[in-house]
């Protein structure tokens, strides 16, 4: 899970210290060897390569995708 909330603080989660990021902002899950991201009804949105995701809808991730949580950018890397 990606977010700034204390409930997010586990070894597999990303804590973002940014007021624009929601407490529970987005979720990345692995299914059958593929990675997917889902926006968790965040206030300022989740984006893949500049395209805003619909809340609670899974989108497939590819190696090298640029993920943006509000105004925080990250490159998604597999392996």
Protein backbone atom coordinates (compact mmCIF):
# COMPACT_ATOMS: atom_id res chain seq x y z
CA UNK A 1 0.00 0.00 0.00
CA UNK A 2 1.14 3.56 -0.70
CA UNK A 3 0.15 6.38 1.63
CA UNK A 4 1.10 8.54 4.57
CA UNK A 5 -0.98 6.86 7.28
CA UNK A 6 0.49 5.00 10.23
CA UNK A 7 -1.49 1.92 9.22
CA UNK A 8 0.59 1.91 6.03
CA UNK A 9 3.83 1.48 8.01
CA UNK A 10 4.81 -2.11 7.25
CA UNK A 11 7.95 -3.44 5.48
CA UNK A 12 6.22 -3.88 2.10
CA UNK A 13 4.57 -0.47 2.04
CA UNK A 14 5.69 2.95 0.84
CA UNK A 15 5.24 5.82 3.29
CA UNK A 16 5.15 9.19 1.54
CA UNK A 17 5.74 12.20 3.76
CA UNK A 18 3.74 14.62 1.63
CA UNK A 19 0.49 16.34 2.66
CA UNK A 20 -0.89 15.91 -0.89
CA UNK A 21 -0.79 12.11 -0.58
CA UNK A 22 -3.76 10.41 1.08
CA UNK A 23 -3.34 8.17 4.14
CA UNK A 24 -4.33 5.14 2.04
CA UNK A 25 -3.56 6.44 -1.45
CA UNK A 26 -3.01 3.41 -3.72
CA UNK A 27 -2.34 -0.31 -3.67
CA UNK A 28 0.05 -2.41 -5.79
CA UNK A 29 -0.67 -6.13 -5.93
CA UNK A 30 0.90 -9.08 -7.73
CA UNK A 31 -1.43 -11.57 -9.43
CA UNK A 32 -0.24 -14.50 -11.53
CA UNK A 33 3.17 -12.92 -12.05
CA UNK A 34 1.74 -9.55 -13.16
CA UNK A 35 1.61 -6.32 -11.13
CA UNK A 36 -1.47 -4.15 -10.83
CA UNK A 37 -2.16 -0.79 -9.21
CA UNK A 38 -5.43 0.51 -7.81
CA UNK A 39 -6.23 4.03 -6.60
CA UNK A 40 -7.88 3.87 -3.17
CA UNK A 41 -10.19 6.87 -3.63
CA UNK A 42 -7.31 9.28 -3.05
CA UNK A 43 -8.05 12.99 -2.96
CA UNK A 44 -5.34 14.05 -5.45
CA UNK A 45 -5.23 11.02 -7.71
CA UNK A 46 -2.94 8.25 -8.89
CA UNK A 47 -1.44 8.38 -12.38
CA UNK A 48 0.39 5.96 -14.69
CA UNK A 49 2.57 7.74 -17.26
CA UNK A 50 0.49 10.90 -16.78
CA UNK A 51 -2.91 9.22 -17.15
CA UNK A 52 -5.21 9.47 -14.14
CA UNK A 53 -6.63 6.20 -12.84
CA UNK A 54 -10.24 5.68 -11.93
CA UNK A 55 -10.63 4.93 -8.23
CA UNK A 56 -10.89 1.28 -7.21
CA UNK A 57 -10.10 0.02 -10.75
CA UNK A 58 -7.08 -2.24 -11.30
CA UNK A 59 -4.57 -1.22 -13.97
CA UNK A 60 -1.70 -3.42 -15.14
CA UNK A 61 1.80 -2.10 -14.50
CA UNK A 62 4.78 -2.47 -16.80
CA UNK A 63 8.46 -2.21 -15.98
CA UNK A 64 9.52 1.43 -16.25
CA UNK A 65 6.05 2.96 -15.84
CA UNK A 66 6.06 6.37 -14.13
CA UNK A 67 3.70 6.35 -11.16
CA UNK A 68 2.50 9.61 -9.66
CA UNK A 69 0.73 9.82 -6.32
CA UNK A 70 -0.64 13.38 -6.04
CA UNK A 71 2.61 15.22 -6.93
CA UNK A 72 5.11 12.47 -5.97
CA UNK A 73 6.68 10.64 -8.96
CA UNK A 74 8.28 7.18 -8.93
CA UNK A 75 9.53 4.77 -11.57
CA UNK A 76 8.09 1.26 -11.26
CA UNK A 77 10.85 -1.33 -11.56
CA UNK A 78 10.41 -5.10 -11.64
CA UNK A 79 13.34 -7.10 -10.29
